[in-house]
Amino acid sequence: MNHTRKESSAWTDGKLALGRGALTSDAELVQAARRGDKRAFVEIVARHQAMVCGVALGILGDFAASEDAAQEAFLTAWRKFHDLREPERLRGWLFQIARNAALGHLRRRRGDDALDDVLNVADESPTPDEAVANEEEAALVRESLAQLAELYRMPLILFLSRGAVGARGGGGAGDQRRRSEATSGPR
């Protein structure tokens, strides 16, 4: 006589069978997973993976990151099956876990982005070479203006001091200040 020990669960026609009937409800799969049946958990993942990945993708907008968040969500679910009070509400519970995992990824990513933004701030002050060149240009303009006859010098000074666009463009307050310094010397 050949005695074989029956396993507590088996696959039948593509469905996980436990004991007498085929497991079709999420609640039955949760109960089996709580008892340590890894195949029941695999079925839960297969049933809900698209929804979990979709939630994560909707929040993160990045396919690879959404897969990572989905994996994290299913690992969290595996560890916390005992916390699920209503096994028939598995889908909503997984949805919330997926949402939290994706938001966690988003917070971590935004934290990194914020740090990167701070590190990539460009110093807009002139380099030492530019500062010397600006001073030399101002001195050259002052010398040139001094050589002009007053009849031509005064209208040009007024024109430059009123904020007209200079040869290098611009016309902002900084340009106006530089033009003013060029005509009257540093303040």
C-alpha atoms as a PDB file:
ATOM      1  CA  MET A   1       0.000   0.000   0.000  1.00  0.00           C
ATOM      2  CA  ASN A   2       1.359   3.355  -1.022  1.00  0.00           C
ATOM      3  CA  HIS A   3       0.775   6.063   1.564  1.00  0.00           C
ATOM      4  CA  THR A   4       1.434   9.583   0.444  1.00  0.00           C
ATOM      5  CA  ARG A   5       1.013  12.628   2.565  1.00  0.00           C
ATOM      6  CA  LYS A   6      -1.361  15.179   1.081  1.00  0.00           C
ATOM      7  CA  GLU A   7      -0.126  18.736   0.992  1.00  0.00           C
ATOM      8  CA  SER A   8      -2.298  21.373   2.581  1.00  0.00           C
ATOM      9  CA  SER A   9      -2.646  23.161  -0.755  1.00  0.00           C
ATOM     10  CA  ALA A  10      -2.313  22.267  -4.419  1.00  0.00           C
ATOM     11  CA  TRP A  11      -2.793  23.851  -7.813  1.00  0.00           C
ATOM     12  CA  THR A  12      -5.798  22.608  -9.761  1.00  0.00           C
ATOM     13  CA  ASP A  13      -6.818  23.946 -13.166  1.00  0.00           C
ATOM     14  CA  GLY A  14      -4.900  27.166 -12.613  1.00  0.00           C
ATOM     15  CA  LYS A  15      -6.565  27.847  -9.246  1.00  0.00           C
ATOM     16  CA  LEU A  16      -5.145  27.277  -5.843  1.00  0.00           C
ATOM     17  CA  ALA A  17      -7.071  24.560  -4.087  1.00  0.00           C
ATOM     18  CA  LEU A  18      -7.040  24.243  -0.350  1.00  0.00           C
ATOM     19  CA  GLY A  19      -8.723  21.281   1.207  1.00  0.00           C
ATOM     20  CA  ARG A  20     -12.020  20.650  -0.586  1.00  0.00           C
ATOM     21  CA  GLY A  21     -12.796  23.647  -2.851  1.00  0.00           C
ATOM     22  CA  ALA A  22     -10.981  26.013  -5.123  1.00  0.00           C
ATOM     23  CA  LEU A  23      -9.931  29.303  -3.600  1.00  0.00           C
ATOM     24  CA  THR A  24     -11.671  32.039  -5.487  1.00  0.00           C
ATOM     25  CA  SER A  25     -12.093  34.824  -2.965  1.00  0.00           C
ATOM     26  CA  ASP A  26      -9.441  37.176  -1.687  1.00  0.00           C
ATOM     27  CA  ALA A  27     -10.505  36.377   1.878  1.00  0.00           C
ATOM     28  CA  GLU A  28      -9.710  32.694   1.389  1.00  0.00           C
ATOM     29  CA  LEU A  29      -6.332  33.551  -0.098  1.00  0.00           C
ATOM     30  CA  VAL A  30      -5.581  35.848   2.846  1.00  0.00           C
ATOM     31  CA  GLN A  31      -6.451  33.085   5.316  1.00  0.00           C
ATOM     32  CA  ALA A  32      -4.182  30.641   3.472  1.00  0.00           C
ATOM     33  CA  ALA A  33      -1.356  33.204   3.313  1.00  0.00           C
ATOM     34  CA  ARG A  34      -1.737  33.850   7.041  1.00  0.00           C
ATOM     35  CA  ARG A  35      -1.131  30.154   7.602  1.00  0.00           C
ATOM     36  CA  GLY A  36       2.142  30.528   5.703  1.00  0.00           C
ATOM     37  CA  ASP A  37       1.000  29.273   2.282  1.00  0.00           C
ATOM     38  CA  LYS A  38       3.328  31.104  -0.091  1.00  0.00           C
ATOM     39  CA  ARG A  39       1.396  29.955  -3.160  1.00  0.00           C
ATOM     40  CA  ALA A  40      -1.670  31.774  -1.841  1.00  0.00           C
ATOM     41  CA  PHE A  41       0.388  34.919  -1.578  1.00  0.00           C
ATOM     42  CA  VAL A  42       1.686  34.398  -5.126  1.00  0.00           C
ATOM     43  CA  GLU A  43      -1.958  34.255  -6.272  1.00  0.00           C
ATOM     44  CA  ILE A  44      -2.717  37.476  -4.380  1.00  0.00           C
ATOM     45  CA  VAL A  45       0.213  39.162  -6.119  1.00  0.00           C
ATOM     46  CA  ALA A  46      -0.906  37.852  -9.515  1.00  0.00           C
ATOM     47  CA  ARG A  47      -4.468  39.134  -8.967  1.00  0.00           C
ATOM     48  CA  HIS A  48      -3.547  42.574  -7.687  1.00  0.00           C
ATOM     49  CA  GLN A  49      -0.174  43.387  -9.252  1.00  0.00           C
ATOM     50  CA  ALA A  50      -1.638  45.503 -12.064  1.00  0.00           C
ATOM     51  CA  MET A  51      -3.676  47.590  -9.599  1.00  0.00           C
ATOM     52  CA  VAL A  52      -0.749  48.059  -7.203  1.00  0.00           C
ATOM     53  CA  CYS A  53       1.643  49.011 -10.027  1.00  0.00           C
ATOM     54  CA  GLY A  54      -0.983  51.338 -11.489  1.00  0.00           C
ATOM     55  CA  VAL A  55      -1.420  53.181  -8.202  1.00  0.00           C
ATOM     56  CA  ALA A  56       2.336  53.588  -7.860  1.00  0.00           C
ATOM     57  CA  LEU A  57       2.749  54.680 -11.487  1.00  0.00           C
ATOM     58  CA  GLY A  58      -0.003  57.260 -11.112  1.00  0.00           C
ATOM     59  CA  ILE A  59       1.777  58.820  -8.150  1.00  0.00           C
ATOM     60  CA  LEU A  60       5.381  58.499  -9.290  1.00  0.00           C
ATOM     61  CA  GLY A  61       5.060  58.890 -13.051  1.00  0.00           C
ATOM     62  CA  ASP A  62       8.074  56.605 -13.521  1.00  0.00           C
ATOM     63  CA  PHE A  63       7.640  52.972 -14.533  1.00  0.00           C
ATOM     64  CA  ALA A  64      10.816  51.639 -12.887  1.00  0.00           C
ATOM     65  CA  ALA A  65      10.125  53.497  -9.638  1.00  0.00           C
ATOM     66  CA  SER A  66       6.528  52.245  -9.657  1.00  0.00           C
ATOM     67  CA  GLU A  67       7.753  48.652  -9.894  1.00  0.00           C
ATOM     68  CA  ASP A  68      10.025  49.249  -6.904  1.00  0.00           C
ATOM     69  CA  ALA A  69       7.145  50.776  -4.933  1.00  0.00           C
ATOM     70  CA  ALA A  70       4.876  47.840  -5.882  1.00  0.00           C
ATOM     71  CA  GLN A  71       7.470  45.359  -4.684  1.00  0.00           C
ATOM     72  CA  GLU A  72       7.794  47.291  -1.440  1.00  0.00           C
ATOM     73  CA  ALA A  73       3.996  47.302  -1.086  1.00  0.00           C
ATOM     74  CA  PHE A  74       3.733  43.524  -1.485  1.00  0.00           C
ATOM     75  CA  LEU A  75       6.571  42.952   0.988  1.00  0.00           C
ATOM     76  CA  THR A  76       4.765  45.181   3.470  1.00  0.00           C
ATOM     77  CA  ALA A  77       1.547  43.270   2.868  1.00  0.00           C
ATOM     78  CA  TRP A  78       3.307  39.919   3.455  1.00  0.00           C
ATOM     79  CA  ARG A  79       4.720  41.179   6.752  1.00  0.00           C
ATOM     80  CA  LYS A  80       1.415  42.694   7.899  1.00  0.00           C
ATOM     81  CA  PHE A  81      -1.215  40.163   6.867  1.00  0.00           C
ATOM     82  CA  HIS A  82      -2.017  39.651  10.537  1.00  0.00           C
ATOM     83  CA  ASP A  83      -3.044  43.368  10.722  1.00  0.00           C
ATOM     84  CA  LEU A  84      -5.729  42.989   8.048  1.00  0.00           C
ATOM     85  CA  ARG A  85      -8.963  42.863  10.066  1.00  0.00           C
ATOM     86  CA  GLU A  86     -11.309  42.296   7.121  1.00  0.00           C
ATOM     87  CA  PRO A  87      -9.733  39.857   4.636  1.00  0.00           C
ATOM     88  CA  GLU A  88     -12.587  40.457   2.169  1.00  0.00           C
ATOM     89  CA  ARG A  89     -11.323  44.054   1.837  1.00  0.00           C
ATOM     90  CA  LEU A  90      -7.880  42.973   0.650  1.00  0.00           C
ATOM     91  CA  ARG A  91      -7.986  45.065  -2.546  1.00  0.00           C
ATOM     92  CA  GLY A  92      -8.571  48.345  -0.681  1.00  0.00           C
ATOM     93  CA  TRP A  93      -5.945  47.430   1.895  1.00  0.00           C
ATOM     94  CA  LEU A  94      -3.379  46.719  -0.833  1.00  0.00           C
ATOM     95  CA  PHE A  95      -4.370  49.954  -2.570  1.00  0.00           C
ATOM     96  CA  GLN A  96      -3.553  51.938   0.575  1.00  0.00           C
ATOM     97  CA  ILE A  97      -0.261  50.114   1.105  1.00  0.00           C
ATOM     98  CA  ALA A  98       0.696  50.786  -2.535  1.00  0.00           C
ATOM     99  CA  ARG A  99      -0.246  54.446  -2.171  1.00  0.00           C
ATOM    100  CA  ASN A 100       1.866  54.807   0.973  1.00  0.00           C
ATOM    101  CA  ALA A 101       4.834  53.016  -0.632  1.00  0.00           C
ATOM    102  CA  ALA A 102       4.671  55.282  -3.699  1.00  0.00           C
ATOM    103  CA  LEU A 103       4.373  58.415  -1.567  1.00  0.00           C
ATOM    104  CA  GLY A 104       7.389  57.248   0.429  1.00  0.00           C
ATOM    105  CA  HIS A 105       9.377  56.872  -2.794  1.00  0.00           C
ATOM    106  CA  LEU A 106       8.192  60.313  -3.883  1.00  0.00           C
ATOM    107  CA  ARG A 107       9.273  61.901  -0.586  1.00  0.00           C
ATOM    108  CA  ARG A 108      12.677  60.267  -0.800  1.00  0.00           C
ATOM    109  CA  ARG A 109      13.072  61.318  -4.436  1.00  0.00           C
ATOM    110  CA  ARG A 110      11.963  64.901  -3.742  1.00  0.00           C
ATOM    111  CA  GLY A 111      14.365  65.060  -0.820  1.00  0.00           C
ATOM    112  CA  ASP A 112      17.182  64.060  -3.156  1.00  0.00           C
ATOM    113  CA  ASP A 113      16.008  66.509  -5.826  1.00  0.00           C
ATOM    114  CA  ALA A 114      15.852  69.359  -3.323  1.00  0.00           C
ATOM    115  CA  LEU A 115      19.399  68.627  -2.246  1.00  0.00           C
ATOM    116  CA  ASP A 116      20.529  68.467  -5.877  1.00  0.00           C
ATOM    117  CA  ASP A 117      18.861  71.822  -6.561  1.00  0.00           C
ATOM    118  CA  VAL A 118      20.702  73.405  -3.659  1.00  0.00           C
ATOM    119  CA  LEU A 119      24.008  72.005  -4.842  1.00  0.00           C
ATOM    120  CA  ASN A 120      23.484  73.153  -8.441  1.00  0.00           C
ATOM    121  CA  VAL A 121      22.822  76.807  -7.659  1.00  0.00           C
ATOM    122  CA  ALA A 122      25.066  78.892  -9.856  1.00  0.00           C
ATOM    123  CA  ASP A 123      26.957  81.836  -8.423  1.00  0.00           C
ATOM    124  CA  GLU A 124      25.870  84.731 -10.603  1.00  0.00           C
ATOM    125  CA  SER A 125      28.393  87.202  -9.266  1.00  0.00           C
ATOM    126  CA  PRO A 126      31.098  88.166 -11.726  1.00  0.00           C
ATOM    127  CA  THR A 127      34.291  86.179 -11.716  1.00  0.00           C
ATOM    128  CA  PRO A 128      37.438  88.067 -10.688  1.00  0.00           C
ATOM    129  CA  ASP A 129      38.377  88.412 -14.370  1.00  0.00           C
ATOM    130  CA  GLU A 130      34.949  89.835 -15.223  1.00  0.00           C
ATOM    131  CA  ALA A 131      35.081  92.260 -12.299  1.00  0.00           C
ATOM    132  CA  VAL A 132      38.479  93.587 -13.435  1.00  0.00           C
ATOM    133  CA  ALA A 133      37.214  93.831 -17.024  1.00  0.00           C
ATOM    134  CA  ASN A 134      34.132  95.765 -15.847  1.00  0.00           C
ATOM    135  CA  GLU A 135      36.317  98.186 -13.893  1.00  0.00           C
ATOM    136  CA  GLU A 136      38.611  98.624 -16.880  1.00  0.00           C
ATOM    137  CA  GLU A 137      35.617  99.250 -19.164  1.00  0.00           C
ATOM    138  CA  ALA A 138      34.229 101.846 -16.763  1.00  0.00           C
ATOM    139  CA  ALA A 139      37.593 103.624 -16.625  1.00  0.00           C
ATOM    140  CA  LEU A 140      37.834 103.572 -20.413  1.00  0.00           C
ATOM    141  CA  VAL A 141      34.325 105.032 -20.768  1.00  0.00           C
ATOM    142  CA  ARG A 142      35.146 107.806 -18.256  1.00  0.00           C
ATOM    143  CA  GLU A 143      38.354 108.672 -20.127  1.00  0.00           C
ATOM    144  CA  SER A 144      36.540 108.688 -23.474  1.00  0.00           C
ATOM    145  CA  LEU A 145      33.740 110.879 -22.162  1.00  0.00           C
ATOM    146  CA  ALA A 146      36.279 113.305 -20.710  1.00  0.00           C
ATOM    147  CA  GLN A 147      37.804 113.741 -24.152  1.00  0.00           C
ATOM    148  CA  LEU A 148      34.460 114.668 -25.764  1.00  0.00           C
ATOM    149  CA  ALA A 149      33.410 118.262 -26.165  1.00  0.00           C
ATOM    150  CA  GLU A 150      30.811 119.273 -23.577  1.00  0.00           C
ATOM    151  CA  LEU A 151      28.243 119.755 -26.333  1.00  0.00           C
ATOM    152  CA  TYR A 152      28.374 115.994 -27.068  1.00  0.00           C
ATOM    153  CA  ARG A 153      29.362 114.681 -23.624  1.00  0.00           C
ATOM    154  CA  MET A 154      26.318 115.944 -21.638  1.00  0.00           C
ATOM    155  CA  PRO A 155      23.615 114.463 -23.929  1.00  0.00           C
ATOM    156  CA  LEU A 156      25.480 111.143 -24.003  1.00  0.00           C
ATOM    157  CA  ILE A 157      25.798 111.069 -20.198  1.00  0.00           C
ATOM    158  CA  LEU A 158      22.099 111.870 -19.832  1.00  0.00           C
ATOM    159  CA  PHE A 159      21.231 109.199 -22.368  1.00  0.00           C
ATOM    160  CA  LEU A 160      23.299 106.542 -20.586  1.00  0.00           C
ATOM    161  CA  SER A 161      22.172 107.553 -17.098  1.00  0.00           C
ATOM    162  CA  ARG A 162      18.444 107.341 -17.990  1.00  0.00           C
ATOM    163  CA  GLY A 163      18.648 103.556 -18.415  1.00  0.00           C
ATOM    164  CA  ALA A 164      19.082 103.309 -22.161  1.00  0.00           C
ATOM    165  CA  VAL A 165      20.340  99.949 -23.355  1.00  0.00           C
ATOM    166  CA  GLY A 166      24.094  99.923 -23.655  1.00  0.00           C
ATOM    167  CA  ALA A 167      26.230  98.098 -26.169  1.00  0.00           C
ATOM    168  CA  ARG A 168      26.118  94.884 -24.098  1.00  0.00           C
ATOM    169  CA  GLY A 169      22.306  94.876 -23.751  1.00  0.00           C
ATOM    170  CA  GLY A 170      20.320  94.681 -20.580  1.00  0.00           C
ATOM    171  CA  GLY A 171      18.894  97.838 -19.183  1.00  0.00           C
ATOM    172  CA  GLY A 172      18.207  96.616 -15.656  1.00  0.00           C
ATOM    173  CA  ALA A 173      19.045  98.397 -12.423  1.00  0.00           C
ATOM    174  CA  GLY A 174      22.523  96.863 -12.317  1.00  0.00           C
ATOM    175  CA  ASP A 175      23.278  98.104 -15.815  1.00  0.00           C
ATOM    176  CA  GLN A 176      22.002 101.572 -14.910  1.00  0.00           C
ATOM    177  CA  ARG A 177      24.233 101.648 -11.831  1.00  0.00           C
ATOM    178  CA  ARG A 178      27.256 100.574 -13.887  1.00  0.00           C
ATOM    179  CA  ARG A 179      26.500 103.253 -16.514  1.00  0.00           C
ATOM    180  CA  SER A 180      26.165 105.839 -13.787  1.00  0.00           C
ATOM    181  CA  GLU A 181      29.516 104.769 -12.293  1.00  0.00           C
ATOM    182  CA  ALA A 182      31.066 104.891 -15.756  1.00  0.00           C
ATOM    183  CA  THR A 183      30.021 108.512 -16.174  1.00  0.00           C
ATOM    184  CA  SER A 184      30.641 109.831 -12.673  1.00  0.00           C
ATOM    185  CA  GLY A 185      33.166 107.424 -11.175  1.00  0.00           C
ATOM    186  CA  PRO A 186      32.593 104.887  -8.367  1.00  0.00           C
ATOM    187  CA  ARG A 187      30.371 105.965  -5.490  1.00  0.00           C
END
